[in-house]
Amino acid sequence: MQIFRNFYNFRIIRSEYFVSINGEIYNGEEAKISVFDRGFLYGDSVYESTRIFNSKPFRLESHLTRLFESAKKIDLEITFS
């Protein structure tokens, strides 16, 4: 069970990361959202992934179409930040 011991001892220092909240960039330590945020309360989200070949996204247009269609189904507005 060496793998699990190493896994549980792993720590992430949040201040080394940056996050985007509503288009604003924050240091990981400063990033905060309201407890009334719908995504926080209900976990509203969509997830898409795509492969990269030769440093280029594979079928990017199809990927973005799926992403926007998924968001539309749950009335989630996609903003660019």
N, C-alpha and C. Protein backbone atom coordinates (compact mmCIF):
# COMPACT_ATOMS: atom_id res chain seq x y z
N MET A 1 0.80 -1.21 0.00
CA MET A 1 0.00 0.00 0.00
C MET A 1 0.84 1.27 0.00
N GLN A 2 2.05 1.17 -0.47
CA GLN A 2 2.95 2.31 -0.53
C GLN A 2 2.33 3.45 -1.36
N ILE A 3 1.66 3.10 -2.43
CA ILE A 3 1.06 4.12 -3.31
C ILE A 3 0.08 4.97 -2.53
N PHE A 4 -0.78 4.32 -1.73
CA PHE A 4 -1.79 5.07 -0.99
C PHE A 4 -1.17 5.95 0.10
N ARG A 5 -0.12 5.46 0.74
CA ARG A 5 0.54 6.29 1.75
C ARG A 5 1.10 7.55 1.10
N ASN A 6 1.73 7.40 -0.04
CA ASN A 6 2.26 8.57 -0.75
C ASN A 6 1.15 9.50 -1.20
N PHE A 7 0.04 8.92 -1.64
CA PHE A 7 -1.08 9.72 -2.11
C PHE A 7 -1.64 10.59 -0.98
N TYR A 8 -1.85 10.01 0.18
CA TYR A 8 -2.45 10.76 1.28
C TYR A 8 -1.49 11.76 1.90
N ASN A 9 -0.20 11.58 1.72
CA ASN A 9 0.77 12.53 2.25
C ASN A 9 1.02 13.70 1.30
N PHE A 10 0.48 13.62 0.10
CA PHE A 10 0.68 14.67 -0.90
C PHE A 10 -0.10 15.91 -0.51
N ARG A 11 0.54 17.08 -0.57
CA ARG A 11 -0.12 18.33 -0.23
C ARG A 11 0.02 19.32 -1.38
N ILE A 12 -1.01 20.09 -1.60
CA ILE A 12 -0.98 21.14 -2.61
C ILE A 12 -0.96 22.47 -1.88
N ILE A 13 -0.05 23.33 -2.25
CA ILE A 13 0.00 24.67 -1.66
C ILE A 13 -0.82 25.58 -2.57
N ARG A 14 -1.99 25.99 -2.11
CA ARG A 14 -2.92 26.75 -2.94
C ARG A 14 -2.36 28.07 -3.44
N SER A 15 -1.49 28.69 -2.71
CA SER A 15 -0.99 30.00 -3.11
C SER A 15 -0.15 29.95 -4.39
N GLU A 16 0.27 28.76 -4.81
CA GLU A 16 1.05 28.64 -6.03
C GLU A 16 0.17 28.62 -7.28
N TYR A 17 -1.14 28.62 -7.11
CA TYR A 17 -2.05 28.50 -8.23
C TYR A 17 -2.85 29.78 -8.42
N PHE A 18 -3.29 30.00 -9.64
CA PHE A 18 -4.15 31.11 -9.95
C PHE A 18 -5.46 30.57 -10.49
N VAL A 19 -6.55 31.25 -10.18
CA VAL A 19 -7.86 30.82 -10.64
C VAL A 19 -8.61 32.01 -11.23
N SER A 20 -9.54 31.71 -12.11
CA SER A 20 -10.38 32.74 -12.70
C SER A 20 -11.78 32.60 -12.13
N ILE A 21 -12.29 33.66 -11.53
CA ILE A 21 -13.65 33.69 -11.02
C ILE A 21 -14.36 34.86 -11.65
N ASN A 22 -15.37 34.56 -12.45
CA ASN A 22 -16.13 35.60 -13.16
C ASN A 22 -15.21 36.54 -13.95
N GLY A 23 -14.19 35.98 -14.56
CA GLY A 23 -13.31 36.76 -15.41
C GLY A 23 -12.18 37.48 -14.68
N GLU A 24 -12.13 37.39 -13.37
CA GLU A 24 -11.07 38.01 -12.58
C GLU A 24 -10.08 36.93 -12.15
N ILE A 25 -8.79 37.23 -12.25
CA ILE A 25 -7.74 36.29 -11.87
C ILE A 25 -7.36 36.52 -10.40
N TYR A 26 -7.33 35.42 -9.63
CA TYR A 26 -6.98 35.50 -8.21
C TYR A 26 -5.87 34.51 -7.89
N ASN A 27 -5.06 34.85 -6.89
CA ASN A 27 -4.12 33.94 -6.31
C ASN A 27 -4.94 32.86 -5.58
N GLY A 28 -4.46 31.63 -5.55
CA GLY A 28 -5.20 30.54 -4.92
C GLY A 28 -5.63 30.82 -3.49
N GLU A 29 -4.81 31.54 -2.74
CA GLU A 29 -5.14 31.87 -1.35
C GLU A 29 -6.26 32.90 -1.26
N GLU A 30 -6.38 33.76 -2.27
CA GLU A 30 -7.35 34.84 -2.23
C GLU A 30 -8.67 34.47 -2.91
N ALA A 31 -8.72 33.36 -3.61
CA ALA A 31 -9.91 32.98 -4.38
C ALA A 31 -11.03 32.57 -3.44
N LYS A 32 -12.16 33.23 -3.58
CA LYS A 32 -13.31 32.92 -2.74
C LYS A 32 -14.58 33.07 -3.57
N ILE A 33 -15.57 32.22 -3.27
CA ILE A 33 -16.88 32.34 -3.90
C ILE A 33 -17.94 32.38 -2.81
N SER A 34 -19.07 32.91 -3.13
CA SER A 34 -20.17 32.98 -2.19
C SER A 34 -20.72 31.57 -1.91
N VAL A 35 -21.16 31.35 -0.69
CA VAL A 35 -21.79 30.06 -0.37
C VAL A 35 -23.15 29.95 -1.05
N PHE A 36 -23.64 31.04 -1.64
CA PHE A 36 -24.91 31.03 -2.35
C PHE A 36 -24.71 30.87 -3.86
N ASP A 37 -23.47 30.71 -4.31
CA ASP A 37 -23.18 30.50 -5.73
C ASP A 37 -23.84 29.20 -6.20
N ARG A 38 -24.60 29.27 -7.29
CA ARG A 38 -25.36 28.10 -7.75
C ARG A 38 -24.45 26.92 -8.07
N GLY A 39 -23.31 27.19 -8.68
CA GLY A 39 -22.38 26.11 -8.98
C GLY A 39 -21.87 25.44 -7.71
N PHE A 40 -21.67 26.22 -6.67
CA PHE A 40 -21.24 25.67 -5.38
C PHE A 40 -22.36 24.86 -4.74
N LEU A 41 -23.57 25.41 -4.76
CA LEU A 41 -24.70 24.75 -4.10
C LEU A 41 -25.14 23.48 -4.80
N TYR A 42 -25.20 23.53 -6.14
CA TYR A 42 -25.79 22.42 -6.89
C TYR A 42 -24.78 21.68 -7.76
N GLY A 43 -23.59 22.20 -7.88
CA GLY A 43 -22.57 21.53 -8.69
C GLY A 43 -22.85 21.64 -10.18
N ASP A 44 -23.57 22.68 -10.61
CA ASP A 44 -23.85 22.86 -12.04
C ASP A 44 -22.54 22.99 -12.80
N SER A 45 -22.37 22.16 -13.80
CA SER A 45 -21.17 22.25 -14.62
C SER A 45 -21.33 21.37 -15.85
N VAL A 46 -20.48 21.61 -16.81
CA VAL A 46 -20.35 20.72 -17.96
C VAL A 46 -18.88 20.40 -18.11
N TYR A 47 -18.61 19.27 -18.70
CA TYR A 47 -17.23 18.81 -18.82
C TYR A 47 -17.00 18.28 -20.22
N GLU A 48 -15.95 18.69 -20.83
CA GLU A 48 -15.56 18.23 -22.17
C GLU A 48 -14.06 18.06 -22.18
N SER A 49 -13.60 17.11 -22.93
CA SER A 49 -12.16 16.97 -23.12
C SER A 49 -11.89 16.65 -24.58
N THR A 50 -10.69 16.95 -25.01
CA THR A 50 -10.32 16.66 -26.39
C THR A 50 -8.85 16.24 -26.41
N ARG A 51 -8.51 15.48 -27.40
CA ARG A 51 -7.13 15.03 -27.55
C ARG A 51 -6.30 16.08 -28.27
N ILE A 52 -5.01 16.01 -28.02
CA ILE A 52 -4.07 16.90 -28.67
C ILE A 52 -3.12 16.05 -29.51
N PHE A 53 -3.02 16.39 -30.79
CA PHE A 53 -2.09 15.72 -31.69
C PHE A 53 -1.19 16.77 -32.33
N ASN A 54 0.10 16.55 -32.28
CA ASN A 54 1.06 17.50 -32.85
C ASN A 54 0.81 18.92 -32.34
N SER A 55 0.57 19.04 -31.05
CA SER A 55 0.34 20.33 -30.37
C SER A 55 -0.92 21.05 -30.82
N LYS A 56 -1.86 20.33 -31.45
CA LYS A 56 -3.11 20.95 -31.90
C LYS A 56 -4.30 20.13 -31.40
N PRO A 57 -5.34 20.84 -30.91
CA PRO A 57 -6.54 20.13 -30.47
C PRO A 57 -7.19 19.39 -31.65
N PHE A 58 -7.58 18.14 -31.41
CA PHE A 58 -8.20 17.31 -32.43
C PHE A 58 -9.69 17.63 -32.51
N ARG A 59 -10.16 17.99 -33.69
CA ARG A 59 -11.56 18.31 -33.93
C ARG A 59 -12.09 19.35 -32.94
N LEU A 60 -11.41 20.46 -32.86
CA LEU A 60 -11.75 21.52 -31.91
C LEU A 60 -13.16 22.04 -32.11
N GLU A 61 -13.58 22.22 -33.35
CA GLU A 61 -14.92 22.73 -33.62
C GLU A 61 -15.99 21.81 -33.04
N SER A 62 -15.84 20.50 -33.23
CA SER A 62 -16.79 19.54 -32.68
C SER A 62 -16.78 19.58 -31.16
N HIS A 63 -15.61 19.70 -30.60
CA HIS A 63 -15.46 19.79 -29.15
C HIS A 63 -16.21 21.00 -28.60
N LEU A 64 -16.00 22.17 -29.19
CA LEU A 64 -16.65 23.38 -28.72
C LEU A 64 -18.16 23.33 -28.92
N THR A 65 -18.60 22.73 -30.01
CA THR A 65 -20.03 22.57 -30.26
C THR A 65 -20.66 21.71 -29.16
N ARG A 66 -20.02 20.60 -28.81
CA ARG A 66 -20.53 19.74 -27.74
C ARG A 66 -20.58 20.49 -26.41
N LEU A 67 -19.53 21.26 -26.14
CA LEU A 67 -19.45 22.01 -24.89
C LEU A 67 -20.62 22.99 -24.77
N PHE A 68 -20.84 23.77 -25.83
CA PHE A 68 -21.90 24.77 -25.80
C PHE A 68 -23.28 24.13 -25.77
N GLU A 69 -23.46 23.02 -26.46
CA GLU A 69 -24.76 22.32 -26.44
C GLU A 69 -25.04 21.75 -25.05
N SER A 70 -24.03 21.21 -24.40
CA SER A 70 -24.20 20.68 -23.05
C SER A 70 -24.57 21.80 -22.08
N ALA A 71 -23.89 22.93 -22.18
CA ALA A 71 -24.18 24.06 -21.30
C ALA A 71 -25.59 24.57 -21.52
N LYS A 72 -26.02 24.62 -22.77
CA LYS A 72 -27.35 25.11 -23.09
C LYS A 72 -28.44 24.22 -22.46
N LYS A 73 -28.19 22.92 -22.41
CA LYS A 73 -29.18 21.99 -21.86
C LYS A 73 -29.44 22.23 -20.38
N ILE A 74 -28.48 22.78 -19.66
CA ILE A 74 -28.69 23.07 -18.24
C ILE A 74 -28.77 24.59 -17.97
N ASP A 75 -29.00 25.35 -19.03
CA ASP A 75 -29.11 26.81 -18.92
C ASP A 75 -27.88 27.44 -18.28
N LEU A 76 -26.72 26.95 -18.64
CA LEU A 76 -25.46 27.48 -18.12
C LEU A 76 -24.84 28.38 -19.19
N GLU A 77 -24.64 29.64 -18.86
CA GLU A 77 -24.04 30.59 -19.79
C GLU A 77 -22.53 30.43 -19.75
N ILE A 78 -21.93 30.20 -20.90
CA ILE A 78 -20.48 30.11 -20.98
C ILE A 78 -19.92 31.49 -21.26
N THR A 79 -19.02 31.92 -20.39
CA THR A 79 -18.34 33.20 -20.58
C THR A 79 -16.87 32.92 -20.85
N PHE A 80 -16.25 33.82 -21.52
CA PHE A 80 -14.83 33.65 -21.84
C PHE A 80 -14.02 34.49 -20.88
N SER A 81 -13.05 33.87 -20.25
CA SER A 81 -12.21 34.61 -19.32
C SER A 81 -10.77 34.16 -19.46
